[in-house]
């Protein structure tokens, strides 16, 4: 907003052209074509190159991106696929509600939950890990496991260090700590994902060696089709874990903030949910399809 007020709807910073106008953004998106063309060099892609890693869905370009998107799209990136995971999502959501109730009871007022965004990050990480890795991490326990907390902390460190790394010229990297912090944060996230993927690969191999059929959810599906390289698998799972934690938690935070500012809409959303899921009924994907106002709130938050 500050730059738009200073420079207008279109301005350049280095090799990047910034667009801050709805009609211009629409033109850019419509002209992108079948394959996205990202910035030739950016810190995300540079980290992959420095560490000798393949690009994942977030960092890949052109036909490589399209191939990965086609593979990852199955069972994940289509809205209707969410119904496949409604069981595990509701399981984690129930644990999250219990966690919030516990925090409220422990607070001085009996109602306040401090730093709700931090709790939402734990919740979204637990959900995305349960879907992607088919495991529960314990994010919503009173004491979060060390490796799990390390991943969450690394997400925050990565984004903070990324901002400074992009702000200062490359020659300062040997003198300032931010680039090293950025690389280390990614190392921590990759280590976490690699361990989880390798563990699942061992489980699948044991089943195959014993002549059993291989059944499971998302990660099992990806590993069983053998259409991605091991490095692409590591990068894609790491990026999806990161994306699930950061984007979803931020969206939920802003949605709750918007509802808090509009109590009348909050009440209407509550009545809509209650009409489909009265009492202790746990919502299904079919129930959510009836909640048009709730969907509108999420869309307006994203807008």
Protein backbone atom coordinates (compact mmCIF):
# COMPACT_ATOMS: atom_id res chain seq x y z
CA UNK A 1 0.00 0.00 0.00
CA UNK A 2 2.86 2.41 0.85
CA UNK A 3 4.63 1.74 -2.46
CA UNK A 4 1.38 2.07 -4.41
CA UNK A 5 0.72 5.48 -2.84
CA UNK A 6 4.27 6.55 -3.70
CA UNK A 7 4.68 5.10 -7.21
CA UNK A 8 1.20 4.33 -8.53
CA UNK A 9 -0.16 0.97 -9.77
CA UNK A 10 3.07 -0.17 -11.49
CA UNK A 11 6.69 0.09 -10.31
CA UNK A 12 9.98 -1.76 -10.63
CA UNK A 13 12.32 -2.97 -7.89
CA UNK A 14 15.46 -4.51 -9.33
CA UNK A 15 14.43 -7.26 -11.74
CA UNK A 16 10.87 -7.47 -10.36
CA UNK A 17 7.91 -5.45 -11.68
CA UNK A 18 5.24 -4.92 -9.01
CA UNK A 19 1.58 -4.63 -10.00
CA UNK A 20 -1.02 -3.15 -7.63
CA UNK A 21 -4.12 -2.74 -9.76
CA UNK A 22 -6.94 -5.27 -10.16
CA UNK A 23 -7.29 -4.90 -13.94
CA UNK A 24 -3.52 -5.08 -14.50
CA UNK A 25 -3.20 -8.14 -12.25
CA UNK A 26 -5.97 -9.82 -14.28
CA UNK A 27 -4.07 -9.13 -17.52
CA UNK A 28 -0.85 -10.60 -16.09
CA UNK A 29 -2.58 -13.76 -14.87
CA UNK A 30 -4.47 -14.30 -18.13
CA UNK A 31 -1.28 -13.97 -20.18
CA UNK A 32 0.74 -16.42 -18.09
CA UNK A 33 -0.14 -19.38 -20.29
CA UNK A 34 -0.09 -23.07 -19.47
CA UNK A 35 3.22 -22.99 -17.58
CA UNK A 36 4.21 -20.40 -14.96
CA UNK A 37 7.40 -18.40 -15.48
CA UNK A 38 8.89 -17.40 -12.13
CA UNK A 39 11.76 -15.08 -11.28
CA UNK A 40 14.90 -16.60 -12.80
CA UNK A 41 16.81 -16.40 -9.50
CA UNK A 42 15.27 -16.09 -6.06
CA UNK A 43 16.32 -17.21 -2.57
CA UNK A 44 13.98 -20.22 -2.62
CA UNK A 45 15.44 -21.61 -5.85
CA UNK A 46 18.94 -20.58 -4.81
CA UNK A 47 18.65 -22.66 -1.62
CA UNK A 48 17.70 -25.73 -3.67
CA UNK A 49 20.71 -25.14 -5.92
CA UNK A 50 23.14 -24.59 -3.04
CA UNK A 51 21.97 -27.76 -1.28
CA UNK A 52 21.77 -29.86 -4.46
CA UNK A 53 18.02 -30.41 -4.16
CA UNK A 54 15.34 -30.73 -6.82
CA UNK A 55 12.69 -28.07 -7.17
CA UNK A 56 9.25 -28.77 -5.74
CA UNK A 57 5.88 -27.41 -6.77
CA UNK A 58 6.55 -23.94 -5.35
CA UNK A 59 9.99 -23.51 -6.93
CA UNK A 60 9.63 -25.42 -10.22
CA UNK A 61 9.08 -23.68 -13.56
CA UNK A 62 7.52 -24.42 -16.92
CA UNK A 63 6.98 -28.05 -17.91
CA UNK A 64 8.62 -29.36 -14.72
CA UNK A 65 6.03 -27.48 -12.69
CA UNK A 66 3.21 -28.85 -14.84
CA UNK A 67 4.43 -32.43 -14.44
CA UNK A 68 4.72 -32.09 -10.65
CA UNK A 69 1.36 -30.34 -10.45
CA UNK A 70 -0.29 -33.19 -12.38
CA UNK A 71 1.19 -35.76 -9.99
CA UNK A 72 0.44 -33.82 -6.79
CA UNK A 73 -2.99 -32.76 -7.99
CA UNK A 74 -4.43 -36.22 -7.48
CA UNK A 75 -5.93 -36.66 -4.01
CA UNK A 76 -4.86 -33.21 -2.83
CA UNK A 77 -5.28 -30.05 -4.86
CA UNK A 78 -8.87 -30.47 -6.04
CA UNK A 79 -11.54 -29.16 -3.64
CA UNK A 80 -13.61 -32.35 -3.87
CA UNK A 81 -10.60 -34.37 -2.69
CA UNK A 82 -10.91 -32.77 0.75
CA UNK A 83 -13.74 -35.23 1.44
CA UNK A 84 -11.17 -38.04 1.38
CA UNK A 85 -9.58 -36.61 4.53
CA UNK A 86 -12.65 -35.45 6.45
CA UNK A 87 -12.12 -38.17 9.06
CA UNK A 88 -8.58 -37.16 10.01
CA UNK A 89 -9.39 -33.43 9.68
CA UNK A 90 -12.29 -33.77 12.13
CA UNK A 91 -10.12 -35.82 14.47
CA UNK A 92 -7.51 -33.05 14.59
CA UNK A 93 -10.20 -30.34 14.80
CA UNK A 94 -11.68 -32.04 17.86
CA UNK A 95 -8.27 -32.08 19.53
CA UNK A 96 -7.81 -28.40 18.63
CA UNK A 97 -11.15 -27.44 20.18
CA UNK A 98 -10.19 -29.31 23.34
CA UNK A 99 -6.86 -27.46 23.32
CA UNK A 100 -8.60 -24.07 23.02
CA UNK A 101 -11.01 -24.92 25.81
CA UNK A 102 -8.08 -25.91 28.02
CA UNK A 103 -6.26 -22.63 27.29
CA UNK A 104 -9.39 -20.62 28.05
CA UNK A 105 -9.87 -22.38 31.36
CA UNK A 106 -6.25 -21.76 32.33
CA UNK A 107 -6.39 -18.04 31.51
CA UNK A 108 -7.18 -15.47 34.17
CA UNK A 109 -10.42 -14.39 32.50
CA UNK A 110 -11.59 -17.89 31.66
CA UNK A 111 -12.24 -16.89 28.03
CA UNK A 112 -9.08 -15.31 26.59
CA UNK A 113 -6.66 -17.28 24.38
CA UNK A 114 -3.40 -15.42 23.96
CA UNK A 115 -1.46 -15.64 20.67
CA UNK A 116 -4.17 -17.51 18.79
CA UNK A 117 -2.08 -17.44 15.59
CA UNK A 118 0.55 -19.60 17.26
CA UNK A 119 -2.13 -22.13 18.22
CA UNK A 120 -3.55 -22.07 14.68
CA UNK A 121 -0.08 -22.80 13.29
CA UNK A 122 0.12 -25.87 15.51
CA UNK A 123 -3.34 -26.94 14.38
CA UNK A 124 -2.67 -26.49 10.67
CA UNK A 125 0.68 -28.28 10.92
CA UNK A 126 -1.00 -31.20 12.68
CA UNK A 127 -3.68 -31.37 9.96
CA UNK A 128 -1.35 -31.12 6.96
CA UNK A 129 1.05 -33.68 8.45
CA UNK A 130 -1.81 -36.07 9.15
CA UNK A 131 -2.90 -35.77 5.51
CA UNK A 132 0.51 -35.71 3.82
CA UNK A 133 2.55 -37.99 6.07
CA UNK A 134 -0.31 -40.06 7.50
CA UNK A 135 1.00 -39.52 11.05
CA UNK A 136 0.07 -37.47 14.11
CA UNK A 137 2.82 -35.16 15.35
CA UNK A 138 1.50 -34.14 18.75
CA UNK A 139 1.33 -30.41 17.99
CA UNK A 140 -1.75 -30.01 20.17
CA UNK A 141 -0.33 -31.75 23.21
CA UNK A 142 0.63 -29.78 26.30
CA UNK A 143 4.29 -30.42 25.48
CA UNK A 144 4.97 -30.40 21.73
CA UNK A 145 7.62 -32.95 20.59
CA UNK A 146 11.02 -31.35 20.05
CA UNK A 147 11.32 -32.17 16.32
CA UNK A 148 7.81 -30.90 15.64
CA UNK A 149 8.44 -27.61 17.44
CA UNK A 150 11.74 -27.27 15.59
CA UNK A 151 9.92 -27.41 12.23
CA UNK A 152 7.36 -24.79 13.34
CA UNK A 153 10.12 -22.50 14.62
CA UNK A 154 12.05 -22.99 11.38
CA UNK A 155 9.09 -21.77 9.34
CA UNK A 156 9.08 -18.50 11.27
CA UNK A 157 12.88 -18.19 11.08
CA UNK A 158 12.91 -18.87 7.34
CA UNK A 159 10.41 -16.12 6.52
CA UNK A 160 12.11 -13.60 8.83
CA UNK A 161 15.57 -14.36 7.45
CA UNK A 162 14.20 -14.35 3.88
CA UNK A 163 13.10 -10.74 4.25
CA UNK A 164 16.54 -9.62 5.39
CA UNK A 165 18.33 -11.77 2.79
CA UNK A 166 16.36 -10.10 0.01
CA UNK A 167 16.91 -6.64 1.51
CA UNK A 168 20.72 -6.76 1.72
CA UNK A 169 23.06 -7.35 -1.25
CA UNK A 170 24.61 -10.80 -1.69
CA UNK A 171 28.12 -9.64 -0.74
CA UNK A 172 26.90 -9.12 2.86
CA UNK A 173 26.04 -12.80 3.33
CA UNK A 174 29.48 -13.64 4.75
CA UNK A 175 29.16 -10.83 7.27
CA UNK A 176 25.52 -10.82 8.31
CA UNK A 177 23.78 -13.86 9.87
CA UNK A 178 20.55 -13.83 7.87
CA UNK A 179 21.54 -15.99 4.86
CA UNK A 180 23.01 -18.67 7.12
CA UNK A 181 19.83 -18.57 9.25
CA UNK A 182 17.75 -18.89 6.09
CA UNK A 183 19.68 -21.95 4.87
CA UNK A 184 19.64 -23.58 8.31
CA UNK A 185 15.88 -23.11 8.63
CA UNK A 186 15.35 -24.87 5.29
CA UNK A 187 17.78 -27.62 6.36
CA UNK A 188 15.68 -28.22 9.47
CA UNK A 189 12.45 -28.42 7.45
CA UNK A 190 13.96 -30.75 4.86
CA UNK A 191 15.42 -33.00 7.57
CA UNK A 192 11.98 -33.34 9.13
CA UNK A 193 10.27 -34.21 5.83
CA UNK A 194 13.02 -36.56 4.65
CA UNK A 195 12.83 -38.62 7.86
CA UNK A 196 9.06 -38.94 7.52
CA UNK A 197 9.21 -39.90 3.83
CA UNK A 198 12.01 -42.42 4.37
CA UNK A 199 10.12 -44.03 7.26
CA UNK A 200 7.03 -44.44 5.08
CA UNK A 201 9.15 -45.86 2.23
CA UNK A 202 10.52 -48.54 4.57
CA UNK A 203 6.98 -49.44 5.69
CA UNK A 204 5.77 -49.73 2.09
CA UNK A 205 8.76 -51.86 1.06
CA UNK A 206 8.13 -54.27 3.95
CA UNK A 207 4.53 -54.67 2.87
CA UNK A 208 5.53 -55.27 -0.74
CA UNK A 209 8.22 -57.78 0.26
CA UNK A 210 5.64 -59.68 2.28
CA UNK A 211 3.28 -59.77 -0.70
CA UNK A 212 0.69 -57.46 0.84
CA UNK A 213 -1.21 -54.79 -1.05
CA UNK A 214 -0.13 -51.22 -0.39
CA UNK A 215 -2.97 -49.04 0.83
CA UNK A 216 -2.92 -45.63 2.43
CA UNK A 217 -3.59 -41.96 1.92
CA UNK A 218 -1.61 -39.22 0.20
CA UNK A 219 2.05 -40.08 0.79
CA UNK A 220 1.47 -43.78 0.18
CA UNK A 221 -0.21 -42.89 -3.12
CA UNK A 222 2.74 -40.73 -4.22
CA UNK A 223 5.38 -43.27 -3.24
CA UNK A 224 3.54 -46.19 -4.81
CA UNK A 225 3.21 -44.64 -8.28
CA UNK A 226 7.01 -44.04 -8.55
CA UNK A 227 6.64 -41.16 -11.02
CA UNK A 228 8.68 -38.65 -9.00
CA UNK A 229 12.37 -38.76 -8.22
CA UNK A 230 13.34 -39.14 -4.58
CA UNK A 231 14.68 -35.57 -4.48
CA UNK A 232 11.48 -34.19 -6.05
CA UNK A 233 9.51 -36.11 -3.44
CA UNK A 234 11.53 -34.59 -0.59
CA UNK A 235 11.20 -31.06 -1.98
CA UNK A 236 7.49 -31.32 -2.76
CA UNK A 237 6.55 -32.75 0.65
CA UNK A 238 8.66 -30.11 2.44
CA UNK A 239 7.06 -27.30 0.44
CA UNK A 240 3.55 -28.66 0.97
CA UNK A 241 4.15 -28.93 4.72
CA UNK A 242 5.40 -25.34 4.77
CA UNK A 243 2.50 -24.10 2.64
CA UNK A 244 -0.02 -25.90 4.82
CA UNK A 245 1.28 -24.35 8.03
CA UNK A 246 1.74 -20.75 6.91
CA UNK A 247 -1.07 -20.04 4.46
CA UNK A 248 -3.89 -21.84 6.26
CA UNK A 249 -3.00 -20.47 9.70
CA UNK A 250 -2.84 -16.89 8.34
CA UNK A 251 -6.18 -17.29 6.55
CA UNK A 252 -7.85 -18.61 9.69
CA UNK A 253 -6.33 -15.82 11.78
CA UNK A 254 -7.65 -13.10 9.49
CA UNK A 255 -11.04 -14.82 9.16
CA UNK A 256 -11.43 -14.86 12.94
CA UNK A 257 -10.30 -11.23 13.12
CA UNK A 258 -12.83 -10.22 10.47
CA UNK A 259 -15.64 -12.07 12.26
CA UNK A 260 -14.66 -10.46 15.57
CA UNK A 261 -15.02 -7.04 13.93
CA UNK A 262 -18.46 -7.98 12.54
CA UNK A 263 -20.41 -9.65 15.38
CA UNK A 264 -23.64 -9.67 13.39
CA UNK A 265 -22.01 -11.71 10.60
CA UNK A 266 -20.38 -13.91 13.23
CA UNK A 267 -23.82 -14.64 14.66
CA UNK A 268 -25.21 -15.42 11.19
CA UNK A 269 -22.33 -17.83 10.49
CA UNK A 270 -22.97 -19.53 13.83
CA UNK A 271 -26.67 -19.98 13.04
CA UNK A 272 -25.84 -21.38 9.60
CA UNK A 273 -23.42 -23.93 11.08
CA UNK A 274 -25.83 -24.83 13.88
CA UNK A 275 -28.69 -25.44 11.42
CA UNK A 276 -26.59 -28.09 9.61
CA UNK A 277 -24.70 -29.45 12.62
CA UNK A 278 -26.74 -28.99 15.80
CA UNK A 279 -25.39 -30.03 19.18
CA UNK A 280 -22.31 -32.23 19.11
CA UNK A 281 -22.71 -33.33 15.49
CA UNK A 282 -19.39 -33.33 13.62
CA UNK A 283 -19.69 -31.73 10.17
CA UNK A 284 -19.12 -33.72 7.01
CA UNK A 285 -18.10 -32.52 3.55
CA UNK A 286 -21.79 -32.66 2.59
CA UNK A 287 -22.65 -30.37 5.51
CA UNK A 288 -20.00 -27.86 4.48
CA UNK A 289 -21.42 -27.68 0.97
CA UNK A 290 -24.59 -26.21 2.48
CA UNK A 291 -22.74 -23.43 4.36
CA UNK A 292 -22.68 -20.71 1.71
CA UNK A 293 -22.12 -17.86 4.19
CA UNK A 294 -19.14 -19.61 5.77
CA UNK A 295 -17.61 -20.09 2.30
CA UNK A 296 -18.27 -16.42 1.54
CA UNK A 297 -16.42 -15.39 4.73
CA UNK A 298 -13.35 -17.41 3.70
CA UNK A 299 -13.45 -16.01 0.16
CA UNK A 300 -13.78 -12.46 1.44
CA UNK A 301 -10.86 -13.04 3.82
CA UNK A 302 -8.67 -14.26 0.96
CA UNK A 303 -9.78 -11.36 -1.23
